[in-house]
Amino acid sequence: MENRYFYRLAFSKLGLLKYLGANDFLIFLGRALRRANIPIKYSEGYNPRPLISLGFPCPVGVESRRDYVDMTLHEEIEEREIIEKINKELPPDIRFYEGYKVKKSSLIEDTYGINYELHLFVHRENWFVSEIENINSLRDTKILVRRGNNIKEIKPFDYIKSVSYRKTKDNIFLVYLETIKLDNTILRGEEFLDLFTVKPLLIRQIREVILNV
């Protein structure tokens, strides 16, 4: 029986590559692994695919300072060597920087939550400050979100751990949002903005995936 070695790697995806969707990213990464001569294990069947998987996919247009990918190799190799070889085959906007061996597991199950940095343009500053200062009064507020092909109603504050903000310049605010996973679902950064009466304009969003310790 062929050996299987399971690895989990952390990476960042910034700049223009935020427009690379999850499926395209896996294809992109699979080709980089092949060029780097990483001994990746492939699925069986008529259309074998590299055994690599993501957790909660990063939405198109969202940057990530920390995301994870799991991969299965058929040979044991040092984590540092994997990272060095992959990074040589990738553009600078994608960088792997941490890796370790794991038992076979699920990234979605191992995710604790996701932190967001939301860069906002706010036309009416006083209105926005008043609303975010009183955001805790909206704990029972429900919003509609899309999950796959379904629309469901959720309470954003069931997922929110903390909210803070600061003004960076005229009409520009930075909101820091810490969220937790609930029933294997997450709150997306842009969905948080549905709590506001006058919705701010989201000009940049950066996320960071937090795993269970």
N, C-alpha and C. Protein backbone atom coordinates (compact mmCIF):
# COMPACT_ATOMS: atom_id res chain seq x y z
N MET A 1 0.85 -1.20 0.00
CA MET A 1 0.00 0.00 0.00
C MET A 1 0.88 1.25 0.00
N GLU A 2 0.54 2.20 -0.85
CA GLU A 2 1.35 3.40 -0.98
C GLU A 2 1.23 4.28 0.26
N ASN A 3 2.37 4.82 0.69
CA ASN A 3 2.37 5.69 1.86
C ASN A 3 1.64 7.00 1.56
N ARG A 4 1.05 7.56 2.60
CA ARG A 4 0.39 8.86 2.50
C ARG A 4 0.88 9.73 3.65
N TYR A 5 1.28 10.94 3.31
CA TYR A 5 1.74 11.90 4.31
C TYR A 5 0.92 13.18 4.15
N PHE A 6 0.35 13.63 5.26
CA PHE A 6 -0.58 14.76 5.22
C PHE A 6 0.12 16.02 5.74
N TYR A 7 0.00 17.09 4.96
CA TYR A 7 0.64 18.36 5.31
C TYR A 7 -0.39 19.48 5.28
N ARG A 8 -0.18 20.44 6.15
CA ARG A 8 -1.01 21.66 6.17
C ARG A 8 -0.08 22.86 6.03
N LEU A 9 -0.37 23.70 5.02
CA LEU A 9 0.48 24.85 4.74
C LEU A 9 -0.32 26.14 4.84
N ALA A 10 0.30 27.16 5.42
CA ALA A 10 -0.31 28.49 5.51
C ALA A 10 0.23 29.36 4.38
N PHE A 11 -0.66 30.19 3.82
CA PHE A 11 -0.23 31.06 2.73
C PHE A 11 -1.01 32.37 2.77
N SER A 12 -0.47 33.35 2.06
CA SER A 12 -1.17 34.63 1.87
C SER A 12 -1.48 34.79 0.39
N LYS A 13 -2.58 35.49 0.11
CA LYS A 13 -2.99 35.76 -1.27
C LYS A 13 -3.45 37.21 -1.32
N LEU A 14 -2.62 38.06 -1.92
CA LEU A 14 -2.86 39.49 -1.88
C LEU A 14 -2.86 40.08 -3.29
N GLY A 15 -3.08 41.39 -3.35
CA GLY A 15 -2.99 42.08 -4.63
C GLY A 15 -4.02 41.60 -5.64
N LEU A 16 -3.62 41.59 -6.91
CA LEU A 16 -4.55 41.23 -7.99
C LEU A 16 -4.99 39.78 -7.93
N LEU A 17 -4.23 38.93 -7.25
CA LEU A 17 -4.61 37.53 -7.18
C LEU A 17 -5.80 37.29 -6.25
N LYS A 18 -6.30 38.36 -5.63
CA LYS A 18 -7.56 38.24 -4.89
C LYS A 18 -8.72 37.90 -5.82
N TYR A 19 -8.54 38.12 -7.12
CA TYR A 19 -9.59 37.81 -8.09
C TYR A 19 -9.54 36.36 -8.57
N LEU A 20 -8.62 35.58 -8.02
CA LEU A 20 -8.52 34.17 -8.36
C LEU A 20 -9.45 33.38 -7.44
N GLY A 21 -10.48 32.76 -8.02
CA GLY A 21 -11.45 32.00 -7.23
C GLY A 21 -10.86 30.72 -6.67
N ALA A 22 -11.60 30.07 -5.78
CA ALA A 22 -11.09 28.89 -5.09
C ALA A 22 -10.77 27.75 -6.05
N ASN A 23 -11.66 27.45 -6.98
CA ASN A 23 -11.40 26.35 -7.91
C ASN A 23 -10.21 26.64 -8.81
N ASP A 24 -10.14 27.88 -9.30
CA ASP A 24 -9.00 28.26 -10.14
C ASP A 24 -7.70 28.23 -9.34
N PHE A 25 -7.79 28.61 -8.06
CA PHE A 25 -6.60 28.58 -7.22
C PHE A 25 -6.07 27.16 -7.07
N LEU A 26 -6.97 26.19 -6.88
CA LEU A 26 -6.53 24.80 -6.73
C LEU A 26 -5.87 24.29 -8.01
N ILE A 27 -6.41 24.66 -9.16
CA ILE A 27 -5.79 24.28 -10.44
C ILE A 27 -4.42 24.94 -10.56
N PHE A 28 -4.37 26.22 -10.24
CA PHE A 28 -3.13 27.01 -10.28
C PHE A 28 -2.06 26.39 -9.38
N LEU A 29 -2.48 26.03 -8.15
CA LEU A 29 -1.55 25.44 -7.19
C LEU A 29 -1.10 24.05 -7.63
N GLY A 30 -2.03 23.27 -8.17
CA GLY A 30 -1.68 21.93 -8.63
C GLY A 30 -0.59 21.96 -9.69
N ARG A 31 -0.67 22.93 -10.59
CA ARG A 31 0.35 23.06 -11.63
C ARG A 31 1.69 23.49 -11.03
N ALA A 32 1.63 24.38 -10.03
CA ALA A 32 2.87 24.82 -9.37
C ALA A 32 3.53 23.65 -8.64
N LEU A 33 2.73 22.81 -8.00
CA LEU A 33 3.28 21.64 -7.31
C LEU A 33 3.96 20.69 -8.29
N ARG A 34 3.35 20.53 -9.45
CA ARG A 34 3.93 19.65 -10.46
C ARG A 34 5.25 20.21 -10.98
N ARG A 35 5.29 21.52 -11.24
CA ARG A 35 6.53 22.14 -11.71
C ARG A 35 7.63 22.07 -10.65
N ALA A 36 7.21 22.13 -9.38
CA ALA A 36 8.18 22.12 -8.28
C ALA A 36 8.63 20.71 -7.92
N ASN A 37 8.09 19.70 -8.61
CA ASN A 37 8.42 18.30 -8.34
C ASN A 37 8.11 17.89 -6.90
N ILE A 38 7.01 18.41 -6.37
CA ILE A 38 6.53 17.98 -5.06
C ILE A 38 5.80 16.64 -5.25
N PRO A 39 6.11 15.63 -4.44
CA PRO A 39 5.51 14.30 -4.64
C PRO A 39 4.05 14.23 -4.19
N ILE A 40 3.21 14.98 -4.89
CA ILE A 40 1.80 15.06 -4.52
C ILE A 40 1.09 13.76 -4.88
N LYS A 41 0.19 13.34 -4.04
CA LYS A 41 -0.62 12.16 -4.29
C LYS A 41 -1.84 12.56 -5.12
N TYR A 42 -2.24 11.69 -6.06
CA TYR A 42 -3.39 11.97 -6.92
C TYR A 42 -4.54 11.02 -6.59
N SER A 43 -5.74 11.50 -6.86
CA SER A 43 -6.92 10.65 -6.68
C SER A 43 -6.92 9.56 -7.75
N GLU A 44 -7.70 8.54 -7.52
CA GLU A 44 -7.80 7.45 -8.48
C GLU A 44 -8.98 7.69 -9.41
N GLY A 45 -9.05 6.90 -10.47
CA GLY A 45 -10.17 7.04 -11.41
C GLY A 45 -9.73 7.57 -12.76
N TYR A 46 -10.71 7.91 -13.59
CA TYR A 46 -10.44 8.34 -14.96
C TYR A 46 -9.89 9.76 -15.05
N ASN A 47 -10.17 10.56 -14.03
CA ASN A 47 -9.72 11.96 -14.06
C ASN A 47 -8.98 12.27 -12.76
N PRO A 48 -7.76 11.74 -12.60
CA PRO A 48 -7.04 11.94 -11.34
C PRO A 48 -6.73 13.41 -11.07
N ARG A 49 -6.92 13.81 -9.82
CA ARG A 49 -6.65 15.19 -9.40
C ARG A 49 -5.70 15.18 -8.22
N PRO A 50 -4.87 16.21 -8.11
CA PRO A 50 -3.98 16.28 -6.94
C PRO A 50 -4.79 16.38 -5.66
N LEU A 51 -4.38 15.68 -4.63
CA LEU A 51 -5.11 15.67 -3.36
C LEU A 51 -4.72 16.90 -2.54
N ILE A 52 -5.32 18.01 -2.90
CA ILE A 52 -5.15 19.27 -2.18
C ILE A 52 -6.54 19.84 -1.91
N SER A 53 -6.71 20.46 -0.76
CA SER A 53 -8.03 20.98 -0.41
C SER A 53 -7.91 22.23 0.44
N LEU A 54 -8.93 23.08 0.33
CA LEU A 54 -9.02 24.31 1.11
C LEU A 54 -10.08 24.14 2.19
N GLY A 55 -10.11 25.09 3.12
CA GLY A 55 -11.17 25.14 4.11
C GLY A 55 -12.31 25.99 3.57
N PHE A 56 -12.72 27.01 4.34
CA PHE A 56 -13.73 27.94 3.85
C PHE A 56 -13.10 28.78 2.74
N PRO A 57 -13.60 28.68 1.51
CA PRO A 57 -12.94 29.36 0.40
C PRO A 57 -12.95 30.87 0.57
N CYS A 58 -11.88 31.49 0.14
CA CYS A 58 -11.77 32.94 0.18
C CYS A 58 -12.56 33.51 -1.00
N PRO A 59 -13.56 34.35 -0.76
CA PRO A 59 -14.37 34.87 -1.87
C PRO A 59 -13.54 35.67 -2.86
N VAL A 60 -13.97 35.66 -4.10
CA VAL A 60 -13.30 36.45 -5.13
C VAL A 60 -13.33 37.92 -4.74
N GLY A 61 -12.18 38.58 -4.84
CA GLY A 61 -12.09 39.99 -4.50
C GLY A 61 -11.64 40.25 -3.07
N VAL A 62 -11.50 39.18 -2.28
CA VAL A 62 -11.06 39.31 -0.89
C VAL A 62 -9.62 38.83 -0.78
N GLU A 63 -8.77 39.64 -0.15
CA GLU A 63 -7.39 39.24 0.08
C GLU A 63 -7.28 38.44 1.37
N SER A 64 -6.19 37.70 1.51
CA SER A 64 -6.01 36.89 2.71
C SER A 64 -4.57 36.96 3.19
N ARG A 65 -4.39 37.30 4.46
CA ARG A 65 -3.06 37.27 5.06
C ARG A 65 -2.71 35.87 5.55
N ARG A 66 -3.74 35.10 5.88
CA ARG A 66 -3.50 33.74 6.36
C ARG A 66 -4.65 32.85 5.94
N ASP A 67 -4.34 31.92 5.05
CA ASP A 67 -5.26 30.87 4.67
C ASP A 67 -4.49 29.57 4.71
N TYR A 68 -5.20 28.46 4.59
CA TYR A 68 -4.54 27.16 4.70
C TYR A 68 -4.95 26.24 3.55
N VAL A 69 -4.04 25.35 3.22
CA VAL A 69 -4.34 24.29 2.26
C VAL A 69 -3.80 22.98 2.82
N ASP A 70 -4.57 21.92 2.68
CA ASP A 70 -4.11 20.58 3.05
C ASP A 70 -3.71 19.84 1.80
N MET A 71 -2.64 19.06 1.89
CA MET A 71 -2.21 18.27 0.74
C MET A 71 -1.70 16.92 1.20
N THR A 72 -1.85 15.93 0.33
CA THR A 72 -1.39 14.58 0.61
C THR A 72 -0.24 14.24 -0.32
N LEU A 73 0.89 13.82 0.25
CA LEU A 73 2.07 13.44 -0.53
C LEU A 73 2.28 11.93 -0.43
N HIS A 74 2.96 11.37 -1.43
CA HIS A 74 3.28 9.94 -1.36
C HIS A 74 4.72 9.70 -0.90
N GLU A 75 5.44 10.80 -0.62
CA GLU A 75 6.77 10.70 -0.03
C GLU A 75 6.88 11.74 1.08
N GLU A 76 7.64 11.41 2.10
CA GLU A 76 7.84 12.36 3.19
C GLU A 76 8.90 13.37 2.79
N ILE A 77 8.65 14.64 3.10
CA ILE A 77 9.56 15.71 2.71
C ILE A 77 9.51 16.79 3.78
N GLU A 78 10.60 17.49 3.97
CA GLU A 78 10.64 18.55 4.98
C GLU A 78 9.70 19.69 4.58
N GLU A 79 8.99 20.22 5.56
CA GLU A 79 8.04 21.30 5.29
C GLU A 79 8.73 22.50 4.66
N ARG A 80 9.91 22.84 5.16
CA ARG A 80 10.63 24.00 4.63
C ARG A 80 10.97 23.82 3.16
N GLU A 81 11.30 22.60 2.77
CA GLU A 81 11.63 22.32 1.37
C GLU A 81 10.40 22.49 0.49
N ILE A 82 9.24 22.03 0.98
CA ILE A 82 8.00 22.20 0.22
C ILE A 82 7.74 23.68 -0.03
N ILE A 83 7.85 24.47 1.02
CA ILE A 83 7.55 25.91 0.92
C ILE A 83 8.51 26.59 -0.05
N GLU A 84 9.80 26.30 0.07
CA GLU A 84 10.79 26.93 -0.80
C GLU A 84 10.55 26.57 -2.27
N LYS A 85 10.24 25.31 -2.53
CA LYS A 85 10.04 24.88 -3.91
C LYS A 85 8.76 25.48 -4.51
N ILE A 86 7.69 25.50 -3.72
CA ILE A 86 6.43 26.05 -4.24
C ILE A 86 6.57 27.54 -4.52
N ASN A 87 7.16 28.28 -3.58
CA ASN A 87 7.26 29.73 -3.75
C ASN A 87 8.05 30.12 -5.00
N LYS A 88 8.99 29.28 -5.41
CA LYS A 88 9.75 29.57 -6.62
C LYS A 88 8.88 29.48 -7.87
N GLU A 89 7.77 28.77 -7.77
CA GLU A 89 6.89 28.56 -8.92
C GLU A 89 5.65 29.46 -8.90
N LEU A 90 5.58 30.36 -7.92
CA LEU A 90 4.39 31.19 -7.76
C LEU A 90 4.72 32.67 -7.90
N PRO A 91 3.76 33.48 -8.32
CA PRO A 91 3.97 34.93 -8.35
C PRO A 91 4.07 35.47 -6.92
N PRO A 92 4.68 36.64 -6.74
CA PRO A 92 4.91 37.16 -5.38
C PRO A 92 3.65 37.47 -4.59
N ASP A 93 2.50 37.61 -5.26
CA ASP A 93 1.26 37.90 -4.52
C ASP A 93 0.71 36.68 -3.79
N ILE A 94 1.26 35.50 -4.06
CA ILE A 94 0.92 34.30 -3.29
C ILE A 94 2.19 33.80 -2.64
N ARG A 95 2.17 33.68 -1.32
CA ARG A 95 3.36 33.24 -0.61
C ARG A 95 2.99 32.23 0.47
N PHE A 96 3.64 31.07 0.42
CA PHE A 96 3.54 30.08 1.50
C PHE A 96 4.62 30.39 2.52
N TYR A 97 4.28 30.33 3.81
CA TYR A 97 5.26 30.74 4.81
C TYR A 97 5.29 29.85 6.06
N GLU A 98 4.44 28.84 6.12
CA GLU A 98 4.43 27.98 7.30
C GLU A 98 3.85 26.63 6.90
N GLY A 99 4.37 25.56 7.49
CA GLY A 99 3.85 24.24 7.17
C GLY A 99 4.16 23.24 8.27
N TYR A 100 3.32 22.23 8.38
CA TYR A 100 3.55 21.18 9.36
C TYR A 100 2.74 19.94 8.97
N LYS A 101 3.16 18.80 9.50
CA LYS A 101 2.46 17.55 9.24
C LYS A 101 1.22 17.47 10.13
N VAL A 102 0.18 16.86 9.61
CA VAL A 102 -1.06 16.68 10.37
C VAL A 102 -1.57 15.26 10.16
N LYS A 103 -2.44 14.84 11.05
CA LYS A 103 -3.21 13.64 10.79
C LYS A 103 -4.30 14.01 9.79
N LYS A 104 -4.81 13.05 9.08
CA LYS A 104 -5.86 13.36 8.11
C LYS A 104 -7.03 14.02 8.83
N SER A 105 -7.38 15.22 8.39
CA SER A 105 -8.44 15.97 9.06
C SER A 105 -9.08 16.93 8.07
N SER A 106 -10.03 17.71 8.56
CA SER A 106 -10.76 18.65 7.72
C SER A 106 -10.44 20.07 8.15
N LEU A 107 -10.06 20.91 7.20
CA LEU A 107 -9.77 22.31 7.52
C LEU A 107 -11.02 23.03 8.03
N ILE A 108 -12.17 22.69 7.47
CA ILE A 108 -13.40 23.34 7.94
C ILE A 108 -13.67 22.98 9.40
N GLU A 109 -13.50 21.72 9.74
CA GLU A 109 -13.70 21.31 11.13
C GLU A 109 -12.67 21.94 12.05
N ASP A 110 -11.45 22.14 11.56
CA ASP A 110 -10.37 22.68 12.39
C ASP A 110 -10.37 24.21 12.47
N THR A 111 -11.24 24.87 11.73
CA THR A 111 -11.30 26.33 11.74
C THR A 111 -12.05 26.82 12.98
N TYR A 112 -11.42 27.75 13.70
CA TYR A 112 -12.08 28.38 14.85
C TYR A 112 -12.91 29.58 14.41
N GLY A 113 -12.34 30.39 13.53
CA GLY A 113 -13.04 31.58 13.05
C GLY A 113 -12.23 32.30 12.00
N ILE A 114 -12.72 33.45 11.59
CA ILE A 114 -12.04 34.26 10.59
C ILE A 114 -12.07 35.72 11.05
N ASN A 115 -10.92 36.36 11.01
CA ASN A 115 -10.83 37.78 11.33
C ASN A 115 -10.78 38.59 10.03
N TYR A 116 -11.41 39.76 10.06
CA TYR A 116 -11.50 40.59 8.87
C TYR A 116 -10.98 42.00 9.16
N GLU A 117 -10.37 42.56 8.13
CA GLU A 117 -10.00 43.97 8.13
C GLU A 117 -10.77 44.60 6.98
N LEU A 118 -11.72 45.47 7.31
CA LEU A 118 -12.60 46.07 6.31
C LEU A 118 -12.22 47.54 6.12
N HIS A 119 -11.84 47.90 4.91
CA HIS A 119 -11.53 49.28 4.57
C HIS A 119 -12.78 49.90 3.95
N LEU A 120 -13.30 50.94 4.59
CA LEU A 120 -14.60 51.48 4.20
C LEU A 120 -14.51 52.95 3.81
N PHE A 121 -15.27 53.29 2.78
CA PHE A 121 -15.53 54.70 2.48
C PHE A 121 -16.89 55.05 3.07
N VAL A 122 -16.90 56.10 3.90
CA VAL A 122 -18.12 56.49 4.60
C VAL A 122 -18.47 57.93 4.21
N HIS A 123 -19.64 58.11 3.62
CA HIS A 123 -20.03 59.45 3.17
C HIS A 123 -20.46 60.32 4.35
N ARG A 124 -21.24 59.73 5.26
CA ARG A 124 -21.73 60.47 6.43
C ARG A 124 -21.02 59.94 7.67
N GLU A 125 -19.92 60.58 8.02
CA GLU A 125 -19.06 60.07 9.09
C GLU A 125 -19.77 60.01 10.43
N ASN A 126 -20.46 61.06 10.80
CA ASN A 126 -21.12 61.10 12.10
C ASN A 126 -22.16 59.99 12.23
N TRP A 127 -22.87 59.75 11.15
CA TRP A 127 -23.88 58.69 11.14
C TRP A 127 -23.22 57.33 11.35
N PHE A 128 -22.13 57.09 10.62
CA PHE A 128 -21.43 55.81 10.73
C PHE A 128 -20.88 55.60 12.14
N VAL A 129 -20.23 56.62 12.70
CA VAL A 129 -19.65 56.50 14.04
C VAL A 129 -20.74 56.22 15.06
N SER A 130 -21.87 56.90 14.93
CA SER A 130 -22.97 56.67 15.86
C SER A 130 -23.47 55.23 15.78
N GLU A 131 -23.58 54.71 14.57
CA GLU A 131 -24.09 53.34 14.41
C GLU A 131 -23.09 52.30 14.91
N ILE A 132 -21.82 52.47 14.61
CA ILE A 132 -20.86 51.44 15.03
C ILE A 132 -20.59 51.52 16.53
N GLU A 133 -20.72 52.70 17.12
CA GLU A 133 -20.58 52.82 18.56
C GLU A 133 -21.72 52.10 19.29
N ASN A 134 -22.85 52.00 18.62
CA ASN A 134 -24.02 51.35 19.23
C ASN A 134 -24.33 50.01 18.57
N ILE A 135 -23.30 49.41 17.97
CA ILE A 135 -23.51 48.18 17.21
C ILE A 135 -24.03 47.04 18.09
N ASN A 136 -23.66 47.06 19.37
CA ASN A 136 -24.10 45.98 20.26
C ASN A 136 -25.61 45.96 20.48
N SER A 137 -26.26 47.07 20.18
CA SER A 137 -27.72 47.11 20.33
C SER A 137 -28.42 46.29 19.25
N LEU A 138 -27.64 45.81 18.26
CA LEU A 138 -28.22 45.06 17.15
C LEU A 138 -28.01 43.55 17.29
N ARG A 139 -27.79 43.10 18.52
CA ARG A 139 -27.48 41.69 18.75
C ARG A 139 -28.58 40.75 18.28
N ASP A 140 -29.81 41.20 18.29
CA ASP A 140 -30.92 40.33 17.88
C ASP A 140 -31.33 40.56 16.43
N THR A 141 -30.62 41.44 15.73
CA THR A 141 -30.97 41.74 14.34
C THR A 141 -30.62 40.56 13.43
N LYS A 142 -31.52 40.27 12.51
CA LYS A 142 -31.30 39.19 11.55
C LYS A 142 -31.10 39.76 10.15
N ILE A 143 -30.30 39.06 9.35
CA ILE A 143 -30.09 39.45 7.96
C ILE A 143 -30.25 38.21 7.08
N LEU A 144 -30.44 38.44 5.80
CA LEU A 144 -30.52 37.34 4.83
C LEU A 144 -29.18 37.17 4.15
N VAL A 145 -28.71 35.94 4.06
CA VAL A 145 -27.43 35.65 3.41
C VAL A 145 -27.62 34.48 2.45
N ARG A 146 -26.74 34.43 1.46
CA ARG A 146 -26.77 33.32 0.51
C ARG A 146 -25.73 32.28 0.92
N ARG A 147 -26.15 31.03 0.98
CA ARG A 147 -25.24 29.92 1.24
C ARG A 147 -25.47 28.88 0.15
N GLY A 148 -24.55 28.85 -0.82
CA GLY A 148 -24.76 27.97 -1.97
C GLY A 148 -25.93 28.47 -2.79
N ASN A 149 -26.89 27.60 -3.03
CA ASN A 149 -28.09 27.98 -3.78
C ASN A 149 -29.24 28.40 -2.88
N ASN A 150 -28.98 28.48 -1.58
CA ASN A 150 -30.04 28.76 -0.62
C ASN A 150 -29.89 30.14 0.01
N ILE A 151 -31.02 30.72 0.38
CA ILE A 151 -31.05 31.96 1.16
C ILE A 151 -31.50 31.60 2.57
N LYS A 152 -30.73 32.05 3.56
CA LYS A 152 -31.10 31.75 4.94
C LYS A 152 -31.01 33.00 5.79
N GLU A 153 -31.68 32.97 6.92
CA GLU A 153 -31.70 34.09 7.85
C GLU A 153 -30.77 33.77 9.01
N ILE A 154 -29.88 34.72 9.33
CA ILE A 154 -28.95 34.52 10.44
C ILE A 154 -28.90 35.77 11.31
N LYS A 155 -28.41 35.59 12.53
CA LYS A 155 -28.07 36.71 13.40
C LYS A 155 -26.56 36.91 13.34
N PRO A 156 -26.08 37.98 12.74
CA PRO A 156 -24.63 38.18 12.64
C PRO A 156 -23.91 38.10 13.98
N PHE A 157 -24.56 38.57 15.05
CA PHE A 157 -23.87 38.59 16.34
C PHE A 157 -23.71 37.20 16.95
N ASP A 158 -24.36 36.20 16.38
CA ASP A 158 -24.08 34.83 16.81
C ASP A 158 -22.64 34.44 16.43
N TYR A 159 -22.09 35.13 15.42
CA TYR A 159 -20.77 34.81 14.90
C TYR A 159 -19.69 35.81 15.33
N ILE A 160 -20.11 36.98 15.80
CA ILE A 160 -19.16 38.06 16.06
C ILE A 160 -18.57 37.94 17.46
N LYS A 161 -17.24 37.96 17.52
CA LYS A 161 -16.53 37.93 18.79
C LYS A 161 -16.19 39.34 19.26
N SER A 162 -15.73 40.19 18.35
CA SER A 162 -15.42 41.58 18.71
C SER A 162 -15.43 42.46 17.47
N VAL A 163 -15.68 43.76 17.70
CA VAL A 163 -15.65 44.76 16.63
C VAL A 163 -14.90 45.98 17.15
N SER A 164 -13.98 46.49 16.36
CA SER A 164 -13.32 47.75 16.69
C SER A 164 -13.09 48.52 15.39
N TYR A 165 -12.79 49.80 15.52
CA TYR A 165 -12.62 50.61 14.31
C TYR A 165 -11.71 51.79 14.60
N ARG A 166 -11.21 52.38 13.52
CA ARG A 166 -10.48 53.64 13.63
C ARG A 166 -10.58 54.37 12.30
N LYS A 167 -10.50 55.68 12.39
CA LYS A 167 -10.52 56.52 11.20
C LYS A 167 -9.09 56.70 10.72
N THR A 168 -8.85 56.49 9.42
CA THR A 168 -7.50 56.62 8.88
C THR A 168 -7.29 57.94 8.17
N LYS A 169 -8.33 58.45 7.53
CA LYS A 169 -8.31 59.79 6.92
C LYS A 169 -9.74 60.17 6.62
N ASP A 170 -9.95 61.34 6.04
CA ASP A 170 -11.31 61.81 5.80
C ASP A 170 -12.11 60.78 5.03
N ASN A 171 -13.25 60.40 5.61
CA ASN A 171 -14.22 59.49 5.01
C ASN A 171 -13.74 58.04 4.88
N ILE A 172 -12.57 57.73 5.40
CA ILE A 172 -12.04 56.36 5.32
C ILE A 172 -11.90 55.79 6.73
N PHE A 173 -12.51 54.63 6.94
CA PHE A 173 -12.45 53.95 8.24
C PHE A 173 -11.95 52.52 8.05
N LEU A 174 -11.31 52.04 9.11
CA LEU A 174 -10.83 50.66 9.15
C LEU A 174 -11.59 49.95 10.26
N VAL A 175 -12.28 48.87 9.91
CA VAL A 175 -13.02 48.09 10.90
C VAL A 175 -12.35 46.74 11.06
N TYR A 176 -12.09 46.37 12.32
CA TYR A 176 -11.50 45.06 12.63
C TYR A 176 -12.61 44.18 13.22
N LEU A 177 -12.83 43.07 12.57
CA LEU A 177 -13.94 42.19 12.93
C LEU A 177 -13.41 40.79 13.22
N GLU A 178 -13.62 40.32 14.45
CA GLU A 178 -13.26 38.96 14.81
C GLU A 178 -14.52 38.11 14.85
N THR A 179 -14.51 36.99 14.13
CA THR A 179 -15.69 36.13 14.08
C THR A 179 -15.32 34.70 14.42
N ILE A 180 -16.32 33.92 14.80
CA ILE A 180 -16.14 32.51 15.10
C ILE A 180 -17.02 31.68 14.18
N LYS A 181 -16.63 30.44 14.00
CA LYS A 181 -17.44 29.49 13.22
C LYS A 181 -18.59 29.00 14.07
N LEU A 182 -19.74 28.80 13.45
CA LEU A 182 -20.91 28.29 14.15
C LEU A 182 -21.61 27.28 13.25
N ASP A 183 -21.76 26.06 13.73
CA ASP A 183 -22.42 25.00 12.95
C ASP A 183 -21.80 24.86 11.56
N ASN A 184 -20.46 24.92 11.53
CA ASN A 184 -19.71 24.77 10.28
C ASN A 184 -20.05 25.84 9.24
N THR A 185 -20.49 27.01 9.70
CA THR A 185 -20.70 28.14 8.80
C THR A 185 -19.99 29.36 9.40
N ILE A 186 -19.74 30.34 8.53
CA ILE A 186 -19.04 31.55 8.96
C ILE A 186 -19.82 32.78 8.52
N LEU A 187 -19.48 33.91 9.13
CA LEU A 187 -19.99 35.21 8.69
C LEU A 187 -18.94 35.84 7.80
N ARG A 188 -19.34 36.32 6.64
CA ARG A 188 -18.42 36.99 5.73
C ARG A 188 -18.33 38.47 6.08
N GLY A 189 -17.18 39.05 5.77
CA GLY A 189 -16.96 40.44 6.14
C GLY A 189 -18.00 41.38 5.57
N GLU A 190 -18.35 41.19 4.30
CA GLU A 190 -19.31 42.10 3.67
C GLU A 190 -20.72 41.94 4.26
N GLU A 191 -21.01 40.77 4.82
CA GLU A 191 -22.34 40.55 5.41
C GLU A 191 -22.51 41.37 6.69
N PHE A 192 -21.43 41.61 7.40
CA PHE A 192 -21.48 42.44 8.60
C PHE A 192 -22.03 43.83 8.28
N LEU A 193 -21.72 44.34 7.10
CA LEU A 193 -22.13 45.69 6.73
C LEU A 193 -23.64 45.81 6.54
N ASP A 194 -24.33 44.68 6.41
CA ASP A 194 -25.79 44.73 6.28
C ASP A 194 -26.48 45.18 7.56
N LEU A 195 -25.73 45.27 8.65
CA LEU A 195 -26.30 45.75 9.91
C LEU A 195 -26.50 47.27 9.92
N PHE A 196 -25.85 47.97 9.01
CA PHE A 196 -25.89 49.43 9.02
C PHE A 196 -27.09 49.96 8.25
N THR A 197 -27.68 51.03 8.77
CA THR A 197 -28.80 51.66 8.09
C THR A 197 -28.36 52.24 6.75
N VAL A 198 -27.24 52.95 6.78
CA VAL A 198 -26.62 53.45 5.55
C VAL A 198 -25.35 52.64 5.34
N LYS A 199 -25.39 51.75 4.37
CA LYS A 199 -24.31 50.78 4.19
C LYS A 199 -23.06 51.47 3.65
N PRO A 200 -21.90 51.34 4.36
CA PRO A 200 -20.66 51.93 3.86
C PRO A 200 -20.19 51.23 2.59
N LEU A 201 -19.33 51.90 1.84
CA LEU A 201 -18.76 51.32 0.63
C LEU A 201 -17.50 50.54 1.01
N LEU A 202 -17.50 49.26 0.72
CA LEU A 202 -16.35 48.41 1.02
C LEU A 202 -15.33 48.54 -0.11
N ILE A 203 -14.16 49.10 0.21
CA ILE A 203 -13.15 49.32 -0.83
C ILE A 203 -12.01 48.30 -0.77
N ARG A 204 -11.87 47.63 0.36
CA ARG A 204 -10.87 46.57 0.46
C ARG A 204 -11.22 45.67 1.64
N GLN A 205 -11.00 44.38 1.46
CA GLN A 205 -11.28 43.42 2.53
C GLN A 205 -10.13 42.41 2.61
N ILE A 206 -9.59 42.25 3.81
CA ILE A 206 -8.51 41.29 4.04
C ILE A 206 -8.93 40.36 5.17
N ARG A 207 -8.72 39.08 4.98
CA ARG A 207 -9.13 38.14 6.03
C ARG A 207 -7.94 37.35 6.55
N GLU A 208 -8.15 36.72 7.70
CA GLU A 208 -7.14 35.86 8.32
C GLU A 208 -7.86 34.70 8.99
N VAL A 209 -7.57 33.50 8.54
CA VAL A 209 -8.22 32.30 9.09
C VAL A 209 -7.52 31.90 10.39
N ILE A 210 -8.31 31.64 11.42
CA ILE A 210 -7.80 31.22 12.72
C ILE A 210 -8.21 29.77 12.96
N LEU A 211 -7.24 28.92 13.24
CA LEU A 211 -7.53 27.51 13.49
C LEU A 211 -7.64 27.24 14.99
N ASN A 212 -8.31 26.15 15.33
CA ASN A 212 -8.36 25.71 16.71
C ASN A 212 -6.95 25.37 17.18
N VAL A 213 -6.65 25.71 18.40
CA VAL A 213 -5.31 25.42 18.94
C VAL A 213 -5.22 23.94 19.29
